[in-house]
Structure formats: C-alpha cells, structure tokens
Amino acid sequence: MNEVTSTARPPFPTRAGSPRRTPTDCWTPTGPRTTATASPPGNWPQDPNASYVSSLPKAERAAWEKALLGEEKNHRTLTLPDGMEIGYDPRSCVEVASSTVYGKRWTELRYLMENLTNDIATAVRDTPGFRDAELAWADCTAEQGHPYRKLSEPRSETRRRLEKTDQDPVAQRSVGRDELALARDDLACQRDTDLARAVTEAQLKVEAKSREPWRREIEEYRAMKASALVKVDRAAE
C-alpha cells in the first residue's frame, strides 16, 4: 500500500521500558529528500501525497495524520523477541488497509519477520567465516586505495557525503561518480575474495537454527504474501 500512504512506517517501535513514541515523533509528511539517499525509511518509494499534505492547514494536516495512523490511546502493543515493543492503532487507515490486503495478523507477523531477519544478520556477522571473508575483502579494498574495514563503511561514507551536499546537484553528481567508481572496486574485491559464498554458508547455518522456533509463523507470513498477490492479480483482471 506504499503508493497511497505516508512515508511513515507505522506501527511505532520502542524498546521495552522506554517512552512510547507517537506518530508525529516518528515522521513528517514533508521531510527534505536527496536524490540518492532520499528514499523514505526502509527504502519506501517517495510519498505521492506529500505535496498535498504539505499544502493543508495545520489542523487539517493533523486530522489527516490521525486518520491515517490512528491515535496512541487506541494502540495495541506487540512485544517482539528482542524486547522491542510495537504500538499500533488497528482502526487506522494504514492498519485497515493492511488487514484487508494481507490478513488480520499481518502487522504482528511483518514485524516479527523483520526482527528475526535482523537477528540473523547480526548472527551471520559474528561467525568466523564471515569475519575472515570481511577481513580479506578489506585487505583487497585497501589495495585499491579504500581504507575500509567493514562492508557497511562504503555506503555509510557515501551517505554522509550526500548529506553534506545540501542537495546541490553538482555536488551530488560528484558523489555519484565517486560512488560508481567505488562500487566497481567493491564488487571486484567481493568476487576476488569469494565473499558471497562465505556469507551464504554462514547464513544457511544461522538460519537453520534461528528459524526453527518460528517455523509456523514464517509459513503463515509466506501464505499471507502469496494470498495478497493473488488478490492483486484478480483485481487487475
């Protein structure tokens, strides 16, 4: 439903014991965007409603947000395996739409899957096989003039540089050219060190252990996604 909703990613996550965040704490309908890093959180597409919402008077904008995301007083709370708490209003437009397309347990299962995916990614990075492959990649990129030690560092550096351009097109293009050159060296080193194989082997081992307790939920989540695709196909006929 991304194309018809806000750039917000409701529900609103908090750590257990921390103050609950409200819709206006988590997003704004008209935040500044740059061309390369500017996709909304989670790589969502640009919100087509943003220009309309920004034109509304303050009171009408608040009413729009309330209808879309609901109210905190109506929140239900989900507690994820890592202690993260998710608050959401089941009567909000976002939740009604999600439930209609995917099913009533979509919000719960979607955030559970994201939580499990993050846990798996963290566990993979901690395996000896991954650490050895990352070190080999870092040595390779250093030979190309890039002093990185972590795979995430090239992207982080590019993001920081883009943020400093203040959306200046000339500066952005300069960053873009550097990023393309860096990407070529990055890919070459990943291939030379067989990084993909090391990551795949580590991931398969971690997933086999991490997914087992949640097998039923994973299957239910997959079934919901498949069912939603069928609905979309039928609607397009």
C-alpha atoms as a PDB file:
ATOM      1  CA  MET A   1       0.000   0.000   0.000  1.00  0.00           C
ATOM      2  CA  ASN A   2       3.056   2.261  -0.195  1.00  0.00           C
ATOM      3  CA  GLU A   3       1.811   4.249  -3.156  1.00  0.00           C
ATOM      4  CA  VAL A   4      -1.219   5.606  -1.349  1.00  0.00           C
ATOM      5  CA  THR A   5       0.043   6.089   2.167  1.00  0.00           C
ATOM      6  CA  SER A   6       2.510   8.215   4.043  1.00  0.00           C
ATOM      7  CA  THR A   7       6.254   7.702   4.183  1.00  0.00           C
ATOM      8  CA  ALA A   8       5.691   6.736   7.792  1.00  0.00           C
ATOM      9  CA  ARG A   9       6.259   3.166   8.800  1.00  0.00           C
ATOM     10  CA  PRO A  10       3.562   2.568  11.362  1.00  0.00           C
ATOM     11  CA  PRO A  11       3.324   0.956  13.857  1.00  0.00           C
ATOM     12  CA  PHE A  12       5.789   2.817  16.035  1.00  0.00           C
ATOM     13  CA  PRO A  13       8.590   0.789  17.661  1.00  0.00           C
ATOM     14  CA  THR A  14      10.013   1.420  21.116  1.00  0.00           C
ATOM     15  CA  ARG A  15      12.302  -0.503  23.393  1.00  0.00           C
ATOM     16  CA  ALA A  16      10.665  -2.072  26.394  1.00  0.00           C
ATOM     17  CA  GLY A  17      10.598   0.418  29.238  1.00  0.00           C
ATOM     18  CA  SER A  18      11.152   3.456  27.032  1.00  0.00           C
ATOM     19  CA  PRO A  19       8.562   6.182  26.434  1.00  0.00           C
ATOM     20  CA  ARG A  20       6.141   5.255  23.684  1.00  0.00           C
ATOM     21  CA  ARG A  21       6.643   7.256  20.529  1.00  0.00           C
ATOM     22  CA  THR A  22       3.716   8.972  18.869  1.00  0.00           C
ATOM     23  CA  PRO A  23       3.028   9.328  15.127  1.00  0.00           C
ATOM     24  CA  THR A  24       4.449  12.846  14.983  1.00  0.00           C
ATOM     25  CA  ASP A  25       7.627  11.697  16.735  1.00  0.00           C
ATOM     26  CA  CYS A  26       8.291   9.143  14.027  1.00  0.00           C
ATOM     27  CA  TRP A  27       7.791  11.005  10.792  1.00  0.00           C
ATOM     28  CA  THR A  28       6.886  14.147   8.931  1.00  0.00           C
ATOM     29  CA  PRO A  29       4.953  14.178   5.670  1.00  0.00           C
ATOM     30  CA  THR A  30       7.308  16.658   4.006  1.00  0.00           C
ATOM     31  CA  GLY A  31      10.857  15.941   5.099  1.00  0.00           C
ATOM     32  CA  PRO A  32      13.711  17.013   2.774  1.00  0.00           C
ATOM     33  CA  ARG A  33      14.999  14.339   0.412  1.00  0.00           C
ATOM     34  CA  THR A  34      18.124  13.996  -1.700  1.00  0.00           C
ATOM     35  CA  THR A  35      18.244  12.051  -4.922  1.00  0.00           C
ATOM     36  CA  ALA A  36      20.362   9.167  -3.709  1.00  0.00           C
ATOM     37  CA  THR A  37      19.670   8.691  -0.016  1.00  0.00           C
ATOM     38  CA  ALA A  38      16.292  10.121  -0.061  1.00  0.00           C
ATOM     39  CA  SER A  39      14.041   7.132  -0.174  1.00  0.00           C
ATOM     40  CA  PRO A  40      11.832   7.064   2.916  1.00  0.00           C
ATOM     41  CA  PRO A  41      12.690   4.725   5.811  1.00  0.00           C
ATOM     42  CA  GLY A  42      13.077   1.128   4.774  1.00  0.00           C
ATOM     43  CA  ASN A  43      13.572   2.181   1.126  1.00  0.00           C
ATOM     44  CA  TRP A  44       9.885   3.001   0.657  1.00  0.00           C
ATOM     45  CA  PRO A  45       9.001   4.927  -2.515  1.00  0.00           C
ATOM     46  CA  GLN A  46       8.540   8.689  -2.348  1.00  0.00           C
ATOM     47  CA  ASP A  47       5.115   9.533  -0.950  1.00  0.00           C
ATOM     48  CA  PRO A  48       2.833  10.903  -3.714  1.00  0.00           C
ATOM     49  CA  ASN A  49       0.643  12.543  -1.061  1.00  0.00           C
ATOM     50  CA  ALA A  50       3.428  14.705   0.359  1.00  0.00           C
ATOM     51  CA  SER A  51       2.788  17.834  -1.710  1.00  0.00           C
ATOM     52  CA  TYR A  52      -0.935  17.717  -0.986  1.00  0.00           C
ATOM     53  CA  VAL A  53      -0.446  17.180   2.739  1.00  0.00           C
ATOM     54  CA  SER A  54       2.102  19.989   2.991  1.00  0.00           C
ATOM     55  CA  SER A  55      -0.479  22.369   1.481  1.00  0.00           C
ATOM     56  CA  LEU A  56      -3.061  21.653   4.168  1.00  0.00           C
ATOM     57  CA  PRO A  57      -3.665  23.982   7.115  1.00  0.00           C
ATOM     58  CA  LYS A  58      -2.158  22.707  10.354  1.00  0.00           C
ATOM     59  CA  ALA A  59      -5.476  21.453  11.762  1.00  0.00           C
ATOM     60  CA  GLU A  60      -6.385  19.597   8.577  1.00  0.00           C
ATOM     61  CA  ARG A  61      -2.940  18.050   8.385  1.00  0.00           C
ATOM     62  CA  ALA A  62      -3.308  16.804  11.951  1.00  0.00           C
ATOM     63  CA  ALA A  63      -6.683  15.291  11.073  1.00  0.00           C
ATOM     64  CA  TRP A  64      -5.137  13.584   8.038  1.00  0.00           C
ATOM     65  CA  GLU A  65      -2.367  12.102  10.165  1.00  0.00           C
ATOM     66  CA  LYS A  66      -4.877  10.974  12.769  1.00  0.00           C
ATOM     67  CA  ALA A  67      -6.999   9.184  10.190  1.00  0.00           C
ATOM     68  CA  LEU A  68      -4.002   7.591   8.518  1.00  0.00           C
ATOM     69  CA  LEU A  69      -2.047   6.444  11.568  1.00  0.00           C
ATOM     70  CA  GLY A  70      -4.646   6.428  14.315  1.00  0.00           C
ATOM     71  CA  GLU A  71      -4.305   7.575  17.893  1.00  0.00           C
ATOM     72  CA  GLU A  72      -1.964   6.486  20.620  1.00  0.00           C
ATOM     73  CA  LYS A  73      -4.852   5.985  23.049  1.00  0.00           C
ATOM     74  CA  ASN A  74      -6.127   3.203  20.774  1.00  0.00           C
ATOM     75  CA  HIS A  75      -2.771   1.456  20.443  1.00  0.00           C
ATOM     76  CA  ARG A  76      -2.331  -2.236  20.813  1.00  0.00           C
ATOM     77  CA  THR A  77       1.119  -3.388  21.844  1.00  0.00           C
ATOM     78  CA  LEU A  78       3.226  -6.134  20.314  1.00  0.00           C
ATOM     79  CA  THR A  79       6.338  -7.324  22.121  1.00  0.00           C
ATOM     80  CA  LEU A  80       8.934  -8.831  19.802  1.00  0.00           C
ATOM     81  CA  PRO A  81      11.512 -11.479  20.771  1.00  0.00           C
ATOM     82  CA  ASP A  82      14.259  -8.898  21.363  1.00  0.00           C
ATOM     83  CA  GLY A  83      12.085  -6.796  23.680  1.00  0.00           C
ATOM     84  CA  MET A  84      11.062  -4.231  21.079  1.00  0.00           C
ATOM     85  CA  GLU A  85       7.507  -3.010  21.596  1.00  0.00           C
ATOM     86  CA  ILE A  86       5.314  -2.021  18.653  1.00  0.00           C
ATOM     87  CA  GLY A  87       2.308   0.212  19.225  1.00  0.00           C
ATOM     88  CA  TYR A  88      -0.361   0.496  16.548  1.00  0.00           C
ATOM     89  CA  ASP A  89      -3.971   1.556  16.146  1.00  0.00           C
ATOM     90  CA  PRO A  90      -5.948  -1.264  14.485  1.00  0.00           C
ATOM     91  CA  ARG A  91      -8.611   1.225  13.369  1.00  0.00           C
ATOM     92  CA  SER A  92      -6.217   3.486  11.471  1.00  0.00           C
ATOM     93  CA  CYS A  93      -6.400   3.641   7.683  1.00  0.00           C
ATOM     94  CA  VAL A  94      -2.988   2.008   7.406  1.00  0.00           C
ATOM     95  CA  GLU A  95      -3.969  -0.948   9.563  1.00  0.00           C
ATOM     96  CA  VAL A  96      -7.393  -1.412   7.965  1.00  0.00           C
ATOM     97  CA  ALA A  97      -5.793  -1.414   4.510  1.00  0.00           C
ATOM     98  CA  SER A  98      -3.050  -3.847   5.552  1.00  0.00           C
ATOM     99  CA  SER A  99      -5.536  -6.219   7.144  1.00  0.00           C
ATOM    100  CA  THR A 100      -7.746  -6.113   4.052  1.00  0.00           C
ATOM    101  CA  VAL A 101      -4.898  -6.923   1.693  1.00  0.00           C
ATOM    102  CA  TYR A 102      -2.825  -9.338   3.783  1.00  0.00           C
ATOM    103  CA  GLY A 103      -4.882 -10.532   6.742  1.00  0.00           C
ATOM    104  CA  LYS A 104      -5.514  -9.664  10.363  1.00  0.00           C
ATOM    105  CA  ARG A 105      -2.134 -10.853  11.683  1.00  0.00           C
ATOM    106  CA  TRP A 106      -0.069  -9.029   9.086  1.00  0.00           C
ATOM    107  CA  THR A 107       1.329  -6.323  11.359  1.00  0.00           C
ATOM    108  CA  GLU A 108       2.355  -8.824  14.020  1.00  0.00           C
ATOM    109  CA  LEU A 109       3.997 -11.197  11.563  1.00  0.00           C
ATOM    110  CA  ARG A 110       5.666  -8.490   9.473  1.00  0.00           C
ATOM    111  CA  TYR A 111       7.464  -7.045  12.458  1.00  0.00           C
ATOM    112  CA  LEU A 112       8.332 -10.482  13.750  1.00  0.00           C
ATOM    113  CA  MET A 113       9.938 -11.323  10.393  1.00  0.00           C
ATOM    114  CA  GLU A 114      11.906  -8.072  10.398  1.00  0.00           C
ATOM    115  CA  ASN A 115      13.048  -8.806  13.928  1.00  0.00           C
ATOM    116  CA  LEU A 116      14.167 -12.319  13.009  1.00  0.00           C
ATOM    117  CA  THR A 117      15.898 -11.065   9.874  1.00  0.00           C
ATOM    118  CA  ASN A 118      17.875  -8.511  11.891  1.00  0.00           C
ATOM    119  CA  ASP A 119      18.837 -11.165  14.427  1.00  0.00           C
ATOM    120  CA  ILE A 120      20.030 -13.472  11.661  1.00  0.00           C
ATOM    121  CA  ALA A 121      22.048 -10.711  10.016  1.00  0.00           C
ATOM    122  CA  THR A 122      23.732  -9.905  13.322  1.00  0.00           C
ATOM    123  CA  ALA A 123      24.488 -13.559  13.973  1.00  0.00           C
ATOM    124  CA  VAL A 124      25.962 -14.006  10.493  1.00  0.00           C
ATOM    125  CA  ARG A 125      28.315 -11.068  11.007  1.00  0.00           C
ATOM    126  CA  ASP A 126      29.566 -12.722  14.181  1.00  0.00           C
ATOM    127  CA  THR A 127      30.515 -16.031  12.553  1.00  0.00           C
ATOM    128  CA  PRO A 128      34.219 -16.800  11.985  1.00  0.00           C
ATOM    129  CA  GLY A 129      33.592 -17.490   8.302  1.00  0.00           C
ATOM    130  CA  PHE A 130      32.066 -14.091   7.701  1.00  0.00           C
ATOM    131  CA  ARG A 131      34.692 -12.244   9.734  1.00  0.00           C
ATOM    132  CA  ASP A 132      37.509 -13.909   7.791  1.00  0.00           C
ATOM    133  CA  ALA A 133      35.849 -13.075   4.467  1.00  0.00           C
ATOM    134  CA  GLU A 134      35.280  -9.472   5.515  1.00  0.00           C
ATOM    135  CA  LEU A 135      38.915  -9.101   6.509  1.00  0.00           C
ATOM    136  CA  ALA A 136      40.021 -10.452   3.137  1.00  0.00           C
ATOM    137  CA  TRP A 137      37.667  -8.018   1.402  1.00  0.00           C
ATOM    138  CA  ALA A 138      39.040  -5.134   3.483  1.00  0.00           C
ATOM    139  CA  ASP A 139      42.620  -6.025   2.532  1.00  0.00           C
ATOM    140  CA  CYS A 140      41.588  -6.078  -1.114  1.00  0.00           C
ATOM    141  CA  THR A 141      39.834  -2.705  -0.998  1.00  0.00           C
ATOM    142  CA  ALA A 142      42.800  -1.210   0.847  1.00  0.00           C
ATOM    143  CA  GLU A 143      44.985  -2.170  -2.113  1.00  0.00           C
ATOM    144  CA  GLN A 144      42.573  -0.153  -4.275  1.00  0.00           C
ATOM    145  CA  GLY A 145      43.005   2.891  -2.037  1.00  0.00           C
ATOM    146  CA  HIS A 146      39.898   2.460   0.125  1.00  0.00           C
ATOM    147  CA  PRO A 147      40.717   2.150   3.853  1.00  0.00           C
ATOM    148  CA  TYR A 148      37.579   0.284   4.895  1.00  0.00           C
ATOM    149  CA  ARG A 149      37.379  -2.450   7.497  1.00  0.00           C
ATOM    150  CA  LYS A 150      33.641  -3.183   7.403  1.00  0.00           C
ATOM    151  CA  LEU A 151      31.379  -3.928   4.449  1.00  0.00           C
ATOM    152  CA  SER A 152      28.935  -1.270   5.622  1.00  0.00           C
ATOM    153  CA  GLU A 153      31.502   1.535   5.559  1.00  0.00           C
ATOM    154  CA  PRO A 154      31.398   2.439   1.828  1.00  0.00           C
ATOM    155  CA  ARG A 155      27.644   3.005   1.944  1.00  0.00           C
ATOM    156  CA  SER A 156      27.881   4.948   5.192  1.00  0.00           C
ATOM    157  CA  GLU A 157      30.586   7.187   3.804  1.00  0.00           C
ATOM    158  CA  THR A 158      28.584   7.870   0.645  1.00  0.00           C
ATOM    159  CA  ARG A 159      25.503   8.702   2.707  1.00  0.00           C
ATOM    160  CA  ARG A 160      27.460  11.135   4.872  1.00  0.00           C
ATOM    161  CA  ARG A 161      28.876  12.869   1.818  1.00  0.00           C
ATOM    162  CA  LEU A 162      25.441  13.195   0.257  1.00  0.00           C
ATOM    163  CA  GLU A 163      24.035  14.703   3.414  1.00  0.00           C
ATOM    164  CA  LYS A 164      26.726  17.378   3.254  1.00  0.00           C
ATOM    165  CA  THR A 165      25.830  18.388  -0.324  1.00  0.00           C
ATOM    166  CA  ASP A 166      22.678  20.186   0.840  1.00  0.00           C
ATOM    167  CA  GLN A 167      21.006  18.824  -2.313  1.00  0.00           C
ATOM    168  CA  ASP A 168      23.342  20.765  -4.585  1.00  0.00           C
ATOM    169  CA  PRO A 169      23.115  18.971  -7.991  1.00  0.00           C
ATOM    170  CA  VAL A 170      26.766  19.481  -8.895  1.00  0.00           C
ATOM    171  CA  ALA A 171      27.961  18.153  -5.547  1.00  0.00           C
ATOM    172  CA  GLN A 172      25.545  15.230  -5.750  1.00  0.00           C
ATOM    173  CA  ARG A 173      26.799  14.247  -9.188  1.00  0.00           C
ATOM    174  CA  SER A 174      30.361  14.348  -7.892  1.00  0.00           C
ATOM    175  CA  VAL A 175      29.444  11.996  -5.065  1.00  0.00           C
ATOM    176  CA  GLY A 176      27.599   9.795  -7.558  1.00  0.00           C
ATOM    177  CA  ARG A 177      30.660   9.469  -9.799  1.00  0.00           C
ATOM    178  CA  ASP A 178      32.830   8.541  -6.837  1.00  0.00           C
ATOM    179  CA  GLU A 179      30.243   6.044  -5.696  1.00  0.00           C
ATOM    180  CA  LEU A 180      30.207   4.320  -9.085  1.00  0.00           C
ATOM    181  CA  ALA A 181      33.990   4.016  -9.073  1.00  0.00           C
ATOM    182  CA  LEU A 182      33.913   2.717  -5.514  1.00  0.00           C
ATOM    183  CA  ALA A 183      31.191   0.222  -6.407  1.00  0.00           C
ATOM    184  CA  ARG A 184      33.358  -1.270  -9.143  1.00  0.00           C
ATOM    185  CA  ASP A 185      36.266  -1.781  -6.747  1.00  0.00           C
ATOM    186  CA  ASP A 186      33.933  -3.102  -4.055  1.00  0.00           C
ATOM    187  CA  LEU A 187      32.384  -5.667  -6.392  1.00  0.00           C
ATOM    188  CA  ALA A 188      35.744  -6.745  -7.752  1.00  0.00           C
ATOM    189  CA  CYS A 189      37.024  -7.379  -4.228  1.00  0.00           C
ATOM    190  CA  GLN A 190      33.879  -9.243  -3.244  1.00  0.00           C
ATOM    191  CA  ARG A 191      34.381 -11.534  -6.230  1.00  0.00           C
ATOM    192  CA  ASP A 192      38.116 -11.941  -5.666  1.00  0.00           C
ATOM    193  CA  THR A 193      37.598 -12.960  -2.027  1.00  0.00           C
ATOM    194  CA  ASP A 194      34.548 -15.165  -2.769  1.00  0.00           C
ATOM    195  CA  LEU A 195      32.595 -13.175  -0.235  1.00  0.00           C
ATOM    196  CA  ALA A 196      29.184 -14.302  -1.470  1.00  0.00           C
ATOM    197  CA  ARG A 197      29.989 -17.958  -0.829  1.00  0.00           C
ATOM    198  CA  ALA A 198      31.209 -17.235   2.700  1.00  0.00           C
ATOM    199  CA  VAL A 199      28.110 -15.198   3.501  1.00  0.00           C
ATOM    200  CA  THR A 200      25.771 -17.825   2.065  1.00  0.00           C
ATOM    201  CA  GLU A 201      27.379 -20.637   4.035  1.00  0.00           C
ATOM    202  CA  ALA A 202      27.239 -18.667   7.269  1.00  0.00           C
ATOM    203  CA  GLN A 203      23.663 -17.571   6.637  1.00  0.00           C
ATOM    204  CA  LEU A 204      22.397 -21.079   5.953  1.00  0.00           C
ATOM    205  CA  LYS A 205      23.832 -22.327   9.230  1.00  0.00           C
ATOM    206  CA  VAL A 206      22.429 -19.445  11.243  1.00  0.00           C
ATOM    207  CA  GLU A 207      19.010 -19.602   9.599  1.00  0.00           C
ATOM    208  CA  ALA A 208      18.634 -23.319  10.200  1.00  0.00           C
ATOM    209  CA  LYS A 209      18.998 -22.693  13.925  1.00  0.00           C
ATOM    210  CA  SER A 210      17.187 -19.350  14.211  1.00  0.00           C
ATOM    211  CA  ARG A 211      14.100 -20.142  12.151  1.00  0.00           C
ATOM    212  CA  GLU A 212      13.094 -23.427  13.713  1.00  0.00           C
ATOM    213  CA  PRO A 213      11.212 -21.960  16.729  1.00  0.00           C
ATOM    214  CA  TRP A 214       9.241 -19.709  14.372  1.00  0.00           C
ATOM    215  CA  ARG A 215       8.509 -22.129  11.552  1.00  0.00           C
ATOM    216  CA  ARG A 216       4.719 -21.842  11.873  1.00  0.00           C
ATOM    217  CA  GLU A 217       4.812 -18.028  11.850  1.00  0.00           C
ATOM    218  CA  ILE A 218       7.153 -17.995   8.855  1.00  0.00           C
ATOM    219  CA  GLU A 219       4.824 -20.226   6.867  1.00  0.00           C
ATOM    220  CA  GLU A 220       1.836 -18.088   7.816  1.00  0.00           C
ATOM    221  CA  TYR A 221       3.679 -14.958   6.722  1.00  0.00           C
ATOM    222  CA  ARG A 222       4.562 -16.509   3.372  1.00  0.00           C
ATOM    223  CA  ALA A 223       0.973 -17.606   2.862  1.00  0.00           C
ATOM    224  CA  MET A 224      -0.275 -14.077   3.547  1.00  0.00           C
ATOM    225  CA  LYS A 225       2.090 -12.598   0.983  1.00  0.00           C
ATOM    226  CA  ALA A 226       1.098 -15.180  -1.607  1.00  0.00           C
ATOM    227  CA  SER A 227      -2.592 -14.561  -0.953  1.00  0.00           C
ATOM    228  CA  ALA A 228      -2.109 -10.809  -1.347  1.00  0.00           C
ATOM    229  CA  LEU A 229      -0.500 -11.330  -4.755  1.00  0.00           C
ATOM    230  CA  VAL A 230      -3.467 -13.431  -5.852  1.00  0.00           C
ATOM    231  CA  LYS A 231      -5.825 -10.626  -4.779  1.00  0.00           C
ATOM    232  CA  VAL A 232      -3.824  -8.081  -6.752  1.00  0.00           C
ATOM    233  CA  ASP A 233      -3.783 -10.273  -9.855  1.00  0.00           C
ATOM    234  CA  ARG A 234      -7.537 -10.758  -9.663  1.00  0.00           C
ATOM    235  CA  ALA A 235      -8.126  -7.044  -9.183  1.00  0.00           C
ATOM    236  CA  ALA A 236      -6.041  -6.322 -12.281  1.00  0.00           C
ATOM    237  CA  GLU A 237      -8.090  -8.653 -14.488  1.00  0.00           C
END
